[in-house]
Amino acid sequence: MGQKYFGRQIEPACSYCRFGSPSPDGRSVLCAKRGVVAPYFSCRSYRYDPLKRRPSPQRALPRYNQSDFDL
């Protein structure tokens, strides 16, 4: 099998399960198997969906000025 997205140490969570979708209030997950559950809950029907993961925000780049590039 190929390499897993986002590393190999992914904790199961309903927020990125195939059967879960975010609730309108954003504080819970609507699961097709279990109903309303917490975002970090997981059950036996958990199936990982890499498209539901949100990447972490990029770090801010340091600011350079012209004197940093002078020899």
C-alpha atoms as a PDB file:
ATOM      1  CA  MET A   1       0.000   0.000   0.000  1.00  0.00           C
ATOM      2  CA  GLY A   2       1.184   3.541  -0.678  1.00  0.00           C
ATOM      3  CA  GLN A   3       2.316   6.160   1.767  1.00  0.00           C
ATOM      4  CA  LYS A   4      -0.397   7.644   4.016  1.00  0.00           C
ATOM      5  CA  TYR A   5      -1.211  11.330   3.804  1.00  0.00           C
ATOM      6  CA  PHE A   6      -0.252  13.511   6.797  1.00  0.00           C
ATOM      7  CA  GLY A   7       2.075  10.840   8.218  1.00  0.00           C
ATOM      8  CA  ARG A   8       1.452   7.405   9.660  1.00  0.00           C
ATOM      9  CA  GLN A   9       0.549   8.395  13.240  1.00  0.00           C
ATOM     10  CA  ILE A  10      -2.998   9.700  12.690  1.00  0.00           C
ATOM     11  CA  GLU A  11      -5.366   9.322  15.614  1.00  0.00           C
ATOM     12  CA  PRO A  12      -8.878   8.294  14.474  1.00  0.00           C
ATOM     13  CA  ALA A  13     -11.420  11.096  14.782  1.00  0.00           C
ATOM     14  CA  CYS A  14     -14.908  11.565  13.386  1.00  0.00           C
ATOM     15  CA  SER A  15     -14.026  15.031  12.097  1.00  0.00           C
ATOM     16  CA  TYR A  16     -12.137  13.410   9.193  1.00  0.00           C
ATOM     17  CA  CYS A  17     -14.060  10.152   8.837  1.00  0.00           C
ATOM     18  CA  ARG A  18     -15.812   9.188   5.604  1.00  0.00           C
ATOM     19  CA  PHE A  19     -19.169   8.920   7.407  1.00  0.00           C
ATOM     20  CA  GLY A  20     -18.973  12.195   9.350  1.00  0.00           C
ATOM     21  CA  SER A  21     -19.880  15.721   8.328  1.00  0.00           C
ATOM     22  CA  PRO A  22     -19.539  18.899  10.399  1.00  0.00           C
ATOM     23  CA  SER A  23     -22.669  20.176  12.117  1.00  0.00           C
ATOM     24  CA  PRO A  24     -23.935  23.702  11.374  1.00  0.00           C
ATOM     25  CA  ASP A  25     -22.684  24.981  14.752  1.00  0.00           C
ATOM     26  CA  GLY A  26     -19.192  23.546  14.114  1.00  0.00           C
ATOM     27  CA  ARG A  27     -18.831  22.007  17.585  1.00  0.00           C
ATOM     28  CA  SER A  28     -19.947  18.472  16.753  1.00  0.00           C
ATOM     29  CA  VAL A  29     -20.001  15.964  13.893  1.00  0.00           C
ATOM     30  CA  LEU A  30     -23.052  14.409  12.262  1.00  0.00           C
ATOM     31  CA  CYS A  31     -22.184  10.744  11.805  1.00  0.00           C
ATOM     32  CA  ALA A  32     -24.172   8.507   9.430  1.00  0.00           C
ATOM     33  CA  LYS A  33     -23.526   5.538  11.746  1.00  0.00           C
ATOM     34  CA  ARG A  34     -23.754   7.013  15.292  1.00  0.00           C
ATOM     35  CA  GLY A  35     -25.675  10.301  15.000  1.00  0.00           C
ATOM     36  CA  VAL A  36     -24.332  13.439  16.693  1.00  0.00           C
ATOM     37  CA  VAL A  37     -20.867  12.854  18.171  1.00  0.00           C
ATOM     38  CA  ALA A  38     -17.862  14.835  19.374  1.00  0.00           C
ATOM     39  CA  PRO A  39     -15.251  15.759  16.711  1.00  0.00           C
ATOM     40  CA  TYR A  40     -12.536  13.573  18.273  1.00  0.00           C
ATOM     41  CA  PHE A  41     -14.766  10.544  18.903  1.00  0.00           C
ATOM     42  CA  SER A  42     -14.186   7.399  16.810  1.00  0.00           C
ATOM     43  CA  CYS A  43     -16.058   4.115  16.454  1.00  0.00           C
ATOM     44  CA  ARG A  44     -15.587   0.746  14.771  1.00  0.00           C
ATOM     45  CA  SER A  45     -16.978   2.111  11.474  1.00  0.00           C
ATOM     46  CA  TYR A  46     -14.211   4.730  11.202  1.00  0.00           C
ATOM     47  CA  ARG A  47     -12.817   5.117   7.664  1.00  0.00           C
ATOM     48  CA  TYR A  48     -10.125   7.713   7.050  1.00  0.00           C
ATOM     49  CA  ASP A  49     -10.886  10.339   4.394  1.00  0.00           C
ATOM     50  CA  PRO A  50      -7.746  12.396   3.605  1.00  0.00           C
ATOM     51  CA  LEU A  51      -9.758  15.103   1.843  1.00  0.00           C
ATOM     52  CA  LYS A  52     -11.439  16.109   5.107  1.00  0.00           C
ATOM     53  CA  ARG A  53      -8.162  16.938   6.853  1.00  0.00           C
ATOM     54  CA  ARG A  54      -7.217  20.591   7.032  1.00  0.00           C
ATOM     55  CA  PRO A  55      -3.521  21.369   6.648  1.00  0.00           C
ATOM     56  CA  SER A  56      -1.825  23.279   9.427  1.00  0.00           C
ATOM     57  CA  PRO A  57      -1.271  26.989   8.729  1.00  0.00           C
ATOM     58  CA  GLN A  58       2.036  27.966   7.201  1.00  0.00           C
ATOM     59  CA  ARG A  59       4.631  29.594   9.381  1.00  0.00           C
ATOM     60  CA  ALA A  60       5.343  33.277   8.802  1.00  0.00           C
ATOM     61  CA  LEU A  61       8.566  33.889   6.914  1.00  0.00           C
ATOM     62  CA  PRO A  62      11.171  36.107   8.578  1.00  0.00           C
ATOM     63  CA  ARG A  63      11.562  39.639   7.249  1.00  0.00           C
ATOM     64  CA  TYR A  64      14.864  40.442   5.565  1.00  0.00           C
ATOM     65  CA  ASN A  65      16.312  43.796   4.644  1.00  0.00           C
ATOM     66  CA  GLN A  66      18.886  44.744   2.014  1.00  0.00           C
ATOM     67  CA  SER A  67      21.817  44.656   4.478  1.00  0.00           C
ATOM     68  CA  ASP A  68      21.274  40.899   4.991  1.00  0.00           C
ATOM     69  CA  PHE A  69      22.282  40.324   1.351  1.00  0.00           C
ATOM     70  CA  ASP A  70      25.380  42.577   1.206  1.00  0.00           C
ATOM     71  CA  LEU A  71      28.786  40.942   1.120  1.00  0.00           C
END
